[in-house]
Amino acid sequence: MTWLLILVVAVLVALFAGQNTDLVSIRFLGWQTSASQAVIILVSAAAGAGVAAAASLIQRIRFNLRIWDLQGKIRKLEQEKTDLSQKLQQTQDKSSSYEAGGL
């Protein structure tokens, strides 16, 4: 579904850019040039998509690091549970042997 939405937006941007091909003057921080409006639209859309992809990638990396951390905690807690279960069993075995011995 996401890829379909991306494709639809890309087609709409391309159609919009294709209908706006006039030459425009661009000024930015003392720099000036002329370019087709279509090129400006396409470059701007691509830059926006790049920024969105970078932000998504950073968020995905953070989630994966959090998952990795939580999985480590789960492994540690499972080991602790196993250790405590073994200690409980040993304690119960000792208690049973004392009761059987009449102590």
PDB file of N, CA and C in Angstrom:
ATOM      1  N   MET A   1       0.827  -1.197   0.000  1.00  0.00           N
ATOM      2  CA  MET A   1       0.000   0.000   0.000  1.00  0.00           C
ATOM      3  C   MET A   1       0.866   1.254   0.000  1.00  0.00           C
ATOM      4  N   THR A   2       1.944   1.224   0.781  1.00  0.00           N
ATOM      5  CA  THR A   2       2.824   2.389   0.853  1.00  0.00           C
ATOM      6  C   THR A   2       3.463   2.669  -0.502  1.00  0.00           C
ATOM      7  N   TRP A   3       3.913   1.587  -1.172  1.00  0.00           N
ATOM      8  CA  TRP A   3       4.557   1.779  -2.474  1.00  0.00           C
ATOM      9  C   TRP A   3       3.576   2.330  -3.499  1.00  0.00           C
ATOM     10  N   LEU A   4       2.323   1.924  -3.412  1.00  0.00           N
ATOM     11  CA  LEU A   4       1.299   2.428  -4.323  1.00  0.00           C
ATOM     12  C   LEU A   4       1.089   3.922  -4.093  1.00  0.00           C
ATOM     13  N   LEU A   5       1.039   4.337  -2.848  1.00  0.00           N
ATOM     14  CA  LEU A   5       0.886   5.754  -2.524  1.00  0.00           C
ATOM     15  C   LEU A   5       2.085   6.564  -3.029  1.00  0.00           C
ATOM     16  N   ILE A   6       3.277   6.031  -2.841  1.00  0.00           N
ATOM     17  CA  ILE A   6       4.488   6.710  -3.319  1.00  0.00           C
ATOM     18  C   ILE A   6       4.444   6.856  -4.838  1.00  0.00           C
ATOM     19  N   LEU A   7       4.023   5.800  -5.521  1.00  0.00           N
ATOM     20  CA  LEU A   7       3.932   5.835  -6.979  1.00  0.00           C
ATOM     21  C   LEU A   7       2.919   6.878  -7.445  1.00  0.00           C
ATOM     22  N   VAL A   8       1.766   6.931  -6.787  1.00  0.00           N
ATOM     23  CA  VAL A   8       0.737   7.908  -7.162  1.00  0.00           C
ATOM     24  C   VAL A   8       1.245   9.335  -6.954  1.00  0.00           C
ATOM     25  N   VAL A   9       1.889   9.594  -5.839  1.00  0.00           N
ATOM     26  CA  VAL A   9       2.431  10.933  -5.569  1.00  0.00           C
ATOM     27  C   VAL A   9       3.502  11.281  -6.589  1.00  0.00           C
ATOM     28  N   ALA A  10       4.374  10.338  -6.920  1.00  0.00           N
ATOM     29  CA  ALA A  10       5.435  10.587  -7.903  1.00  0.00           C
ATOM     30  C   ALA A  10       4.847  10.924  -9.272  1.00  0.00           C
ATOM     31  N   VAL A  11       3.816  10.209  -9.664  1.00  0.00           N
ATOM     32  CA  VAL A  11       3.173  10.485 -10.955  1.00  0.00           C
ATOM     33  C   VAL A  11       2.530  11.870 -10.927  1.00  0.00           C
ATOM     34  N   LEU A  12       1.860  12.215  -9.835  1.00  0.00           N
ATOM     35  CA  LEU A  12       1.240  13.541  -9.734  1.00  0.00           C
ATOM     36  C   LEU A  12       2.280  14.656  -9.774  1.00  0.00           C
ATOM     37  N   VAL A  13       3.403  14.465  -9.092  1.00  0.00           N
ATOM     38  CA  VAL A  13       4.476  15.473  -9.121  1.00  0.00           C
ATOM     39  C   VAL A  13       5.041  15.596 -10.531  1.00  0.00           C
ATOM     40  N   ALA A  14       5.246  14.462 -11.196  1.00  0.00           N
ATOM     41  CA  ALA A  14       5.770  14.496 -12.568  1.00  0.00           C
ATOM     42  C   ALA A  14       4.795  15.208 -13.508  1.00  0.00           C
ATOM     43  N   LEU A  15       3.484  14.939 -13.366  1.00  0.00           N
ATOM     44  CA  LEU A  15       2.484  15.628 -14.194  1.00  0.00           C
ATOM     45  C   LEU A  15       2.491  17.126 -13.911  1.00  0.00           C
ATOM     46  N   PHE A  16       2.564  17.481 -12.640  1.00  0.00           N
ATOM     47  CA  PHE A  16       2.601  18.897 -12.260  1.00  0.00           C
ATOM     48  C   PHE A  16       3.837  19.575 -12.844  1.00  0.00           C
ATOM     49  N   ALA A  17       4.982  18.912 -12.711  1.00  0.00           N
ATOM     50  CA  ALA A  17       6.221  19.482 -13.236  1.00  0.00           C
ATOM     51  C   ALA A  17       6.154  19.611 -14.754  1.00  0.00           C
ATOM     52  N   GLY A  18       5.577  18.617 -15.424  1.00  0.00           N
ATOM     53  CA  GLY A  18       5.475  18.654 -16.883  1.00  0.00           C
ATOM     54  C   GLY A  18       4.601  19.780 -17.392  1.00  0.00           C
ATOM     55  N   GLN A  19       3.673  20.241 -16.581  1.00  0.00           N
ATOM     56  CA  GLN A  19       2.785  21.332 -16.981  1.00  0.00           C
ATOM     57  C   GLN A  19       3.335  22.701 -16.601  1.00  0.00           C
ATOM     58  N   ASN A  20       4.467  22.743 -15.918  1.00  0.00           N
ATOM     59  CA  ASN A  20       5.081  24.005 -15.483  1.00  0.00           C
ATOM     60  C   ASN A  20       6.539  24.029 -15.927  1.00  0.00           C
ATOM     61  N   THR A  21       6.724  24.296 -17.206  1.00  0.00           N
ATOM     62  CA  THR A  21       8.074  24.222 -17.784  1.00  0.00           C
ATOM     63  C   THR A  21       8.690  25.589 -18.050  1.00  0.00           C
ATOM     64  N   ASP A  22       8.065  26.668 -17.613  1.00  0.00           N
ATOM     65  CA  ASP A  22       8.598  28.008 -17.864  1.00  0.00           C
ATOM     66  C   ASP A  22       9.953  28.184 -17.200  1.00  0.00           C
ATOM     67  N   LEU A  23      10.754  29.052 -17.768  1.00  0.00           N
ATOM     68  CA  LEU A  23      12.066  29.380 -17.200  1.00  0.00           C
ATOM     69  C   LEU A  23      11.869  30.373 -16.057  1.00  0.00           C
ATOM     70  N   VAL A  24      12.470  30.080 -14.910  1.00  0.00           N
ATOM     71  CA  VAL A  24      12.349  30.965 -13.747  1.00  0.00           C
ATOM     72  C   VAL A  24      13.735  31.305 -13.231  1.00  0.00           C
ATOM     73  N   SER A  25      13.807  32.448 -12.539  1.00  0.00           N
ATOM     74  CA  SER A  25      15.050  32.892 -11.926  1.00  0.00           C
ATOM     75  C   SER A  25      15.032  32.480 -10.458  1.00  0.00           C
ATOM     76  N   ILE A  26      16.127  31.870 -10.019  1.00  0.00           N
ATOM     77  CA  ILE A  26      16.245  31.402  -8.637  1.00  0.00           C
ATOM     78  C   ILE A  26      17.360  32.187  -7.962  1.00  0.00           C
ATOM     79  N   ARG A  27      17.049  32.738  -6.776  1.00  0.00           N
ATOM     80  CA  ARG A  27      18.056  33.442  -5.977  1.00  0.00           C
ATOM     81  C   ARG A  27      18.092  32.814  -4.595  1.00  0.00           C
ATOM     82  N   PHE A  28      19.318  32.498  -4.129  1.00  0.00           N
ATOM     83  CA  PHE A  28      19.481  31.893  -2.818  1.00  0.00           C
ATOM     84  C   PHE A  28      20.852  32.260  -2.265  1.00  0.00           C
ATOM     85  N   LEU A  29      20.868  32.968  -1.144  1.00  0.00           N
ATOM     86  CA  LEU A  29      22.106  33.365  -0.450  1.00  0.00           C
ATOM     87  C   LEU A  29      23.133  34.006  -1.384  1.00  0.00           C
ATOM     88  N   GLY A  30      22.666  34.936  -2.174  1.00  0.00           N
ATOM     89  CA  GLY A  30      23.566  35.654  -3.059  1.00  0.00           C
ATOM     90  C   GLY A  30      23.867  34.920  -4.360  1.00  0.00           C
ATOM     91  N   TRP A  31      23.383  33.746  -4.509  1.00  0.00           N
ATOM     92  CA  TRP A  31      23.597  32.944  -5.709  1.00  0.00           C
ATOM     93  C   TRP A  31      22.359  33.076  -6.576  1.00  0.00           C
ATOM     94  N   GLN A  32      22.536  33.191  -7.896  1.00  0.00           N
ATOM     95  CA  GLN A  32      21.392  33.365  -8.777  1.00  0.00           C
ATOM     96  C   GLN A  32      21.586  32.537 -10.035  1.00  0.00           C
ATOM     97  N   THR A  33      20.498  31.921 -10.480  1.00  0.00           N
ATOM     98  CA  THR A  33      20.526  31.137 -11.712  1.00  0.00           C
ATOM     99  C   THR A  33      19.132  31.087 -12.305  1.00  0.00           C
ATOM    100  N   SER A  34      19.048  30.633 -13.525  1.00  0.00           N
ATOM    101  CA  SER A  34      17.760  30.426 -14.182  1.00  0.00           C
ATOM    102  C   SER A  34      17.638  28.938 -14.494  1.00  0.00           C
ATOM    103  N   ALA A  35      16.444  28.423 -14.311  1.00  0.00           N
ATOM    104  CA  ALA A  35      16.204  27.000 -14.579  1.00  0.00           C
ATOM    105  C   ALA A  35      14.740  26.795 -14.910  1.00  0.00           C
ATOM    106  N   SER A  36      14.474  25.677 -15.503  1.00  0.00           N
ATOM    107  CA  SER A  36      13.093  25.324 -15.805  1.00  0.00           C
ATOM    108  C   SER A  36      12.357  25.074 -14.502  1.00  0.00           C
ATOM    109  N   GLN A  37      11.143  25.555 -14.445  1.00  0.00           N
ATOM    110  CA  GLN A  37      10.321  25.345 -13.253  1.00  0.00           C
ATOM    111  C   GLN A  37      10.125  23.855 -12.991  1.00  0.00           C
ATOM    112  N   ALA A  38      10.027  23.066 -14.042  1.00  0.00           N
ATOM    113  CA  ALA A  38       9.864  21.622 -13.896  1.00  0.00           C
ATOM    114  C   ALA A  38      11.061  21.007 -13.179  1.00  0.00           C
ATOM    115  N   VAL A  39      12.263  21.450 -13.532  1.00  0.00           N
ATOM    116  CA  VAL A  39      13.474  20.932 -12.888  1.00  0.00           C
ATOM    117  C   VAL A  39      13.472  21.302 -11.408  1.00  0.00           C
ATOM    118  N   ILE A  40      13.101  22.534 -11.109  1.00  0.00           N
ATOM    119  CA  ILE A  40      13.045  22.978  -9.715  1.00  0.00           C
ATOM    120  C   ILE A  40      12.039  22.141  -8.924  1.00  0.00           C
ATOM    121  N   ILE A  41      10.876  21.888  -9.507  1.00  0.00           N
ATOM    122  CA  ILE A  41       9.846  21.088  -8.835  1.00  0.00           C
ATOM    123  C   ILE A  41      10.358  19.683  -8.577  1.00  0.00           C
ATOM    124  N   LEU A  42      10.949  19.056  -9.584  1.00  0.00           N
ATOM    125  CA  LEU A  42      11.440  17.686  -9.436  1.00  0.00           C
ATOM    126  C   LEU A  42      12.587  17.581  -8.433  1.00  0.00           C
ATOM    127  N   VAL A  43      13.509  18.532  -8.483  1.00  0.00           N
ATOM    128  CA  VAL A  43      14.628  18.527  -7.529  1.00  0.00           C
ATOM    129  C   VAL A  43      14.108  18.744  -6.107  1.00  0.00           C
ATOM    130  N   SER A  44      13.167  19.660  -5.945  1.00  0.00           N
ATOM    131  CA  SER A  44      12.594  19.916  -4.622  1.00  0.00           C
ATOM    132  C   SER A  44      11.865  18.682  -4.091  1.00  0.00           C
ATOM    133  N   ALA A  45      11.096  18.022  -4.939  1.00  0.00           N
ATOM    134  CA  ALA A  45      10.386  16.814  -4.518  1.00  0.00           C
ATOM    135  C   ALA A  45      11.375  15.710  -4.145  1.00  0.00           C
ATOM    136  N   ALA A  46      12.428  15.560  -4.933  1.00  0.00           N
ATOM    137  CA  ALA A  46      13.436  14.538  -4.640  1.00  0.00           C
ATOM    138  C   ALA A  46      14.157  14.847  -3.329  1.00  0.00           C
ATOM    139  N   ALA A  47      14.473  16.128  -3.095  1.00  0.00           N
ATOM    140  CA  ALA A  47      15.132  16.512  -1.844  1.00  0.00           C
ATOM    141  C   ALA A  47      14.212  16.240  -0.651  1.00  0.00           C
ATOM    142  N   GLY A  48      12.939  16.559  -0.802  1.00  0.00           N
ATOM    143  CA  GLY A  48      11.979  16.280   0.271  1.00  0.00           C
ATOM    144  C   GLY A  48      11.863  14.790   0.554  1.00  0.00           C
ATOM    145  N   ALA A  49      11.834  13.990  -0.500  1.00  0.00           N
ATOM    146  CA  ALA A  49      11.768  12.536  -0.329  1.00  0.00           C
ATOM    147  C   ALA A  49      13.041  12.024   0.349  1.00  0.00           C
ATOM    148  N   GLY A  50      14.181  12.603  -0.001  1.00  0.00           N
ATOM    149  CA  GLY A  50      15.443  12.200   0.622  1.00  0.00           C
ATOM    150  C   GLY A  50      15.480  12.519   2.111  1.00  0.00           C
ATOM    151  N   VAL A  51      15.009  13.690   2.472  1.00  0.00           N
ATOM    152  CA  VAL A  51      14.968  14.074   3.885  1.00  0.00           C
ATOM    153  C   VAL A  51      14.008  13.161   4.654  1.00  0.00           C
ATOM    154  N   ALA A  52      12.855  12.878   4.063  1.00  0.00           N
ATOM    155  CA  ALA A  52      11.881  11.989   4.717  1.00  0.00           C
ATOM    156  C   ALA A  52      12.456  10.580   4.872  1.00  0.00           C
ATOM    157  N   ALA A  53      13.159  10.096   3.857  1.00  0.00           N
ATOM    158  CA  ALA A  53      13.761   8.762   3.927  1.00  0.00           C
ATOM    159  C   ALA A  53      14.848   8.721   4.997  1.00  0.00           C
ATOM    160  N   ALA A  54      15.650   9.777   5.094  1.00  0.00           N
ATOM    161  CA  ALA A  54      16.694   9.827   6.117  1.00  0.00           C
ATOM    162  C   ALA A  54      16.092   9.842   7.519  1.00  0.00           C
ATOM    163  N   ALA A  55      15.033  10.615   7.708  1.00  0.00           N
ATOM    164  CA  ALA A  55      14.373  10.659   9.012  1.00  0.00           C
ATOM    165  C   ALA A  55      13.773   9.295   9.358  1.00  0.00           C
ATOM    166  N   SER A  56      13.189   8.643   8.376  1.00  0.00           N
ATOM    167  CA  SER A  56      12.613   7.309   8.593  1.00  0.00           C
ATOM    168  C   SER A  56      13.702   6.301   8.932  1.00  0.00           C
ATOM    169  N   LEU A  57      14.829   6.398   8.258  1.00  0.00           N
ATOM    170  CA  LEU A  57      15.941   5.484   8.516  1.00  0.00           C
ATOM    171  C   LEU A  57      16.482   5.669   9.932  1.00  0.00           C
ATOM    172  N   ILE A  58      16.614   6.911  10.359  1.00  0.00           N
ATOM    173  CA  ILE A  58      17.095   7.191  11.721  1.00  0.00           C
ATOM    174  C   ILE A  58      16.124   6.605  12.746  1.00  0.00           C
ATOM    175  N   GLN A  59      14.836   6.779  12.523  1.00  0.00           N
ATOM    176  CA  GLN A  59      13.838   6.240  13.441  1.00  0.00           C
ATOM    177  C   GLN A  59      13.892   4.715  13.455  1.00  0.00           C
ATOM    178  N   ARG A  60      14.055   4.103  12.303  1.00  0.00           N
ATOM    179  CA  ARG A  60      14.133   2.641  12.225  1.00  0.00           C
ATOM    180  C   ARG A  60      15.367   2.115  12.955  1.00  0.00           C
ATOM    181  N   ILE A  61      16.485   2.814  12.813  1.00  0.00           N
ATOM    182  CA  ILE A  61      17.703   2.411  13.523  1.00  0.00           C
ATOM    183  C   ILE A  61      17.486   2.501  15.026  1.00  0.00           C
ATOM    184  N   ARG A  62      16.863   3.572  15.492  1.00  0.00           N
ATOM    185  CA  ARG A  62      16.576   3.719  16.926  1.00  0.00           C
ATOM    186  C   ARG A  62      15.683   2.587  17.432  1.00  0.00           C
ATOM    187  N   PHE A  63      14.647   2.261  16.662  1.00  0.00           N
ATOM    188  CA  PHE A  63      13.753   1.160  17.058  1.00  0.00           C
ATOM    189  C   PHE A  63      14.510  -0.158  17.121  1.00  0.00           C
ATOM    190  N   ASN A  64      15.353  -0.419  16.122  1.00  0.00           N
ATOM    191  CA  ASN A  64      16.112  -1.667  16.105  1.00  0.00           C
ATOM    192  C   ASN A  64      17.082  -1.747  17.279  1.00  0.00           C
ATOM    193  N   LEU A  65      17.715  -0.637  17.630  1.00  0.00           N
ATOM    194  CA  LEU A  65      18.610  -0.625  18.789  1.00  0.00           C
ATOM    195  C   LEU A  65      17.825  -0.883  20.073  1.00  0.00           C
ATOM    196  N   ARG A  66      16.637  -0.312  20.178  1.00  0.00           N
ATOM    197  CA  ARG A  66      15.793  -0.527  21.357  1.00  0.00           C
ATOM    198  C   ARG A  66      15.366  -1.999  21.440  1.00  0.00           C
ATOM    199  N   ILE A  67      14.983  -2.564  20.306  1.00  0.00           N
ATOM    200  CA  ILE A  67      14.599  -3.977  20.272  1.00  0.00           C
ATOM    201  C   ILE A  67      15.767  -4.854  20.700  1.00  0.00           C
ATOM    202  N   TRP A  68      16.954  -4.571  20.189  1.00  0.00           N
ATOM    203  CA  TRP A  68      18.154  -5.345  20.538  1.00  0.00           C
ATOM    204  C   TRP A  68      18.418  -5.258  22.039  1.00  0.00           C
ATOM    205  N   ASP A  69      18.276  -4.058  22.610  1.00  0.00           N
ATOM    206  CA  ASP A  69      18.480  -3.865  24.044  1.00  0.00           C
ATOM    207  C   ASP A  69      17.454  -4.664  24.845  1.00  0.00           C
ATOM    208  N   LEU A  70      16.199  -4.596  24.448  1.00  0.00           N
ATOM    209  CA  LEU A  70      15.142  -5.317  25.166  1.00  0.00           C
ATOM    210  C   LEU A  70      15.303  -6.838  25.040  1.00  0.00           C
ATOM    211  N   GLN A  71      15.754  -7.305  23.893  1.00  0.00           N
ATOM    212  CA  GLN A  71      15.994  -8.741  23.738  1.00  0.00           C
ATOM    213  C   GLN A  71      17.106  -9.198  24.676  1.00  0.00           C
ATOM    214  N   GLY A  72      18.133  -8.367  24.846  1.00  0.00           N
ATOM    215  CA  GLY A  72      19.196  -8.693  25.794  1.00  0.00           C
ATOM    216  C   GLY A  72      18.670  -8.767  27.220  1.00  0.00           C
ATOM    217  N   LYS A  73      17.796  -7.840  27.575  1.00  0.00           N
ATOM    218  CA  LYS A  73      17.198  -7.857  28.913  1.00  0.00           C
ATOM    219  C   LYS A  73      16.328  -9.098  29.102  1.00  0.00           C
ATOM    220  N   ILE A  74      15.604  -9.480  28.065  1.00  0.00           N
ATOM    221  CA  ILE A  74      14.772 -10.686  28.145  1.00  0.00           C
ATOM    222  C   ILE A  74      15.647 -11.909  28.375  1.00  0.00           C
ATOM    223  N   ARG A  75      16.747 -12.027  27.617  1.00  0.00           N
ATOM    224  CA  ARG A  75      17.654 -13.165  27.803  1.00  0.00           C
ATOM    225  C   ARG A  75      18.201 -13.203  29.227  1.00  0.00           C
ATOM    226  N   LYS A  76      18.568 -12.039  29.755  1.00  0.00           N
ATOM    227  CA  LYS A  76      19.102 -11.961  31.115  1.00  0.00           C
ATOM    228  C   LYS A  76      18.045 -12.385  32.136  1.00  0.00           C
ATOM    229  N   LEU A  77      16.818 -11.911  31.977  1.00  0.00           N
ATOM    230  CA  LEU A  77      15.745 -12.269  32.905  1.00  0.00           C
ATOM    231  C   LEU A  77      15.376 -13.748  32.801  1.00  0.00           C
ATOM    232  N   GLU A  78      15.411 -14.292  31.595  1.00  0.00           N
ATOM    233  CA  GLU A  78      15.126 -15.721  31.441  1.00  0.00           C
ATOM    234  C   GLU A  78      16.197 -16.567  32.140  1.00  0.00           C
ATOM    235  N   GLN A  79      17.451 -16.135  32.031  1.00  0.00           N
ATOM    236  CA  GLN A  79      18.527 -16.855  32.712  1.00  0.00           C
ATOM    237  C   GLN A  79      18.363 -16.748  34.230  1.00  0.00           C
ATOM    238  N   GLU A  80      17.998 -15.562  34.693  1.00  0.00           N
ATOM    239  CA  GLU A  80      17.770 -15.366  36.128  1.00  0.00           C
ATOM    240  C   GLU A  80      16.612 -16.241  36.605  1.00  0.00           C
ATOM    241  N   LYS A  81      15.568 -16.338  35.818  1.00  0.00           N
ATOM    242  CA  LYS A  81      14.424 -17.190  36.164  1.00  0.00           C
ATOM    243  C   LYS A  81      14.854 -18.654  36.249  1.00  0.00           C
ATOM    244  N   THR A  82      15.652 -19.094  35.285  1.00  0.00           N
ATOM    245  CA  THR A  82      16.142 -20.475  35.295  1.00  0.00           C
ATOM    246  C   THR A  82      16.982 -20.737  36.536  1.00  0.00           C
ATOM    247  N   ASP A  83      17.879 -19.805  36.861  1.00  0.00           N
ATOM    248  CA  ASP A  83      18.730 -19.952  38.044  1.00  0.00           C
ATOM    249  C   ASP A  83      17.881 -20.027  39.319  1.00  0.00           C
ATOM    250  N   LEU A  84      16.892 -19.161  39.434  1.00  0.00           N
ATOM    251  CA  LEU A  84      16.039 -19.151  40.617  1.00  0.00           C
ATOM    252  C   LEU A  84      15.181 -20.418  40.702  1.00  0.00           C
ATOM    253  N   SER A  85      14.724 -20.914  39.574  1.00  0.00           N
ATOM    254  CA  SER A  85      13.956 -22.163  39.567  1.00  0.00           C
ATOM    255  C   SER A  85      14.823 -23.322  40.047  1.00  0.00           C
ATOM    256  N   GLN A  86      16.080 -23.345  39.629  1.00  0.00           N
ATOM    257  CA  GLN A  86      16.997 -24.399  40.067  1.00  0.00           C
ATOM    258  C   GLN A  86      17.259 -24.295  41.566  1.00  0.00           C
ATOM    259  N   LYS A  87      17.450 -23.089  42.058  1.00  0.00           N
ATOM    260  CA  LYS A  87      17.675 -22.895  43.499  1.00  0.00           C
ATOM    261  C   LYS A  87      16.443 -23.310  44.294  1.00  0.00           C
ATOM    262  N   LEU A  88      15.261 -22.970  43.791  1.00  0.00           N
ATOM    263  CA  LEU A  88      14.029 -23.370  44.460  1.00  0.00           C
ATOM    264  C   LEU A  88      13.911 -24.887  44.503  1.00  0.00           C
ATOM    265  N   GLN A  89      14.208 -25.530  43.406  1.00  0.00           N
ATOM    266  CA  GLN A  89      14.131 -26.992  43.357  1.00  0.00           C
ATOM    267  C   GLN A  89      15.123 -27.623  44.343  1.00  0.00           C
ATOM    268  N   GLN A  90      16.324 -27.055  44.405  1.00  0.00           N
ATOM    269  CA  GLN A  90      17.326 -27.565  45.347  1.00  0.00           C
ATOM    270  C   GLN A  90      16.850 -27.390  46.789  1.00  0.00           C
ATOM    271  N   THR A  91      16.258 -26.235  47.075  1.00  0.00           N
ATOM    272  CA  THR A  91      15.747 -25.969  48.420  1.00  0.00           C
ATOM    273  C   THR A  91      14.610 -26.935  48.761  1.00  0.00           C
ATOM    274  N   GLN A  92      13.729 -27.177  47.817  1.00  0.00           N
ATOM    275  CA  GLN A  92      12.630 -28.111  48.047  1.00  0.00           C
ATOM    276  C   GLN A  92      13.154 -29.529  48.237  1.00  0.00           C
ATOM    277  N   ASP A  93      14.188 -29.905  47.486  1.00  0.00           N
ATOM    278  CA  ASP A  93      14.776 -31.237  47.639  1.00  0.00           C
ATOM    279  C   ASP A  93      15.394 -31.400  49.029  1.00  0.00           C
ATOM    280  N   LYS A  94      16.100 -30.359  49.488  1.00  0.00           N
ATOM    281  CA  LYS A  94      16.705 -30.408  50.825  1.00  0.00           C
ATOM    282  C   LYS A  94      15.631 -30.497  51.890  1.00  0.00           C
ATOM    283  N   SER A  95      14.559 -29.734  51.712  1.00  0.00           N
ATOM    284  CA  SER A  95      13.461 -29.741  52.675  1.00  0.00           C
ATOM    285  C   SER A  95      12.813 -31.118  52.727  1.00  0.00           C
ATOM    286  N   SER A  96      12.626 -31.723  51.579  1.00  0.00           N
ATOM    287  CA  SER A  96      12.029 -33.062  51.520  1.00  0.00           C
ATOM    288  C   SER A  96      12.932 -34.089  52.191  1.00  0.00           C
ATOM    289  N   SER A  97      14.248 -33.944  51.987  1.00  0.00           N
ATOM    290  CA  SER A  97      15.161 -34.913  52.607  1.00  0.00           C
ATOM    291  C   SER A  97      15.206 -34.745  54.120  1.00  0.00           C
ATOM    292  N   TYR A  98      15.071 -33.515  54.625  1.00  0.00           N
ATOM    293  CA  TYR A  98      15.026 -33.307  56.079  1.00  0.00           C
ATOM    294  C   TYR A  98      13.758 -33.893  56.658  1.00  0.00           C
ATOM    295  N   GLU A  99      12.654 -33.698  55.944  1.00  0.00           N
ATOM    296  CA  GLU A  99      11.379 -34.241  56.429  1.00  0.00           C
ATOM    297  C   GLU A  99      11.399 -35.774  56.410  1.00  0.00           C
ATOM    298  N   ALA A 100      11.997 -36.345  55.412  1.00  0.00           N
ATOM    299  CA  ALA A 100      12.069 -37.798  55.316  1.00  0.00           C
ATOM    300  C   ALA A 100      12.995 -38.377  56.379  1.00  0.00           C
ATOM    301  N   GLY A 101      14.017 -37.613  56.753  1.00  0.00           N
ATOM    302  CA  GLY A 101      14.961 -38.077  57.766  1.00  0.00           C
ATOM    303  C   GLY A 101      14.451 -37.858  59.176  1.00  0.00           C
ATOM    304  N   GLY A 102      13.321 -37.219  59.327  1.00  0.00           N
ATOM    305  CA  GLY A 102      12.732 -37.007  60.633  1.00  0.00           C
ATOM    306  C   GLY A 102      13.333 -35.826  61.370  1.00  0.00           C
ATOM    307  N   LEU A 103      13.968 -34.925  60.677  1.00  0.00           N
ATOM    308  CA  LEU A 103      14.564 -33.769  61.360  1.00  0.00           C
ATOM    309  C   LEU A 103      13.634 -32.638  61.440  1.00  0.00           C
TER     310      LEU A 103
END
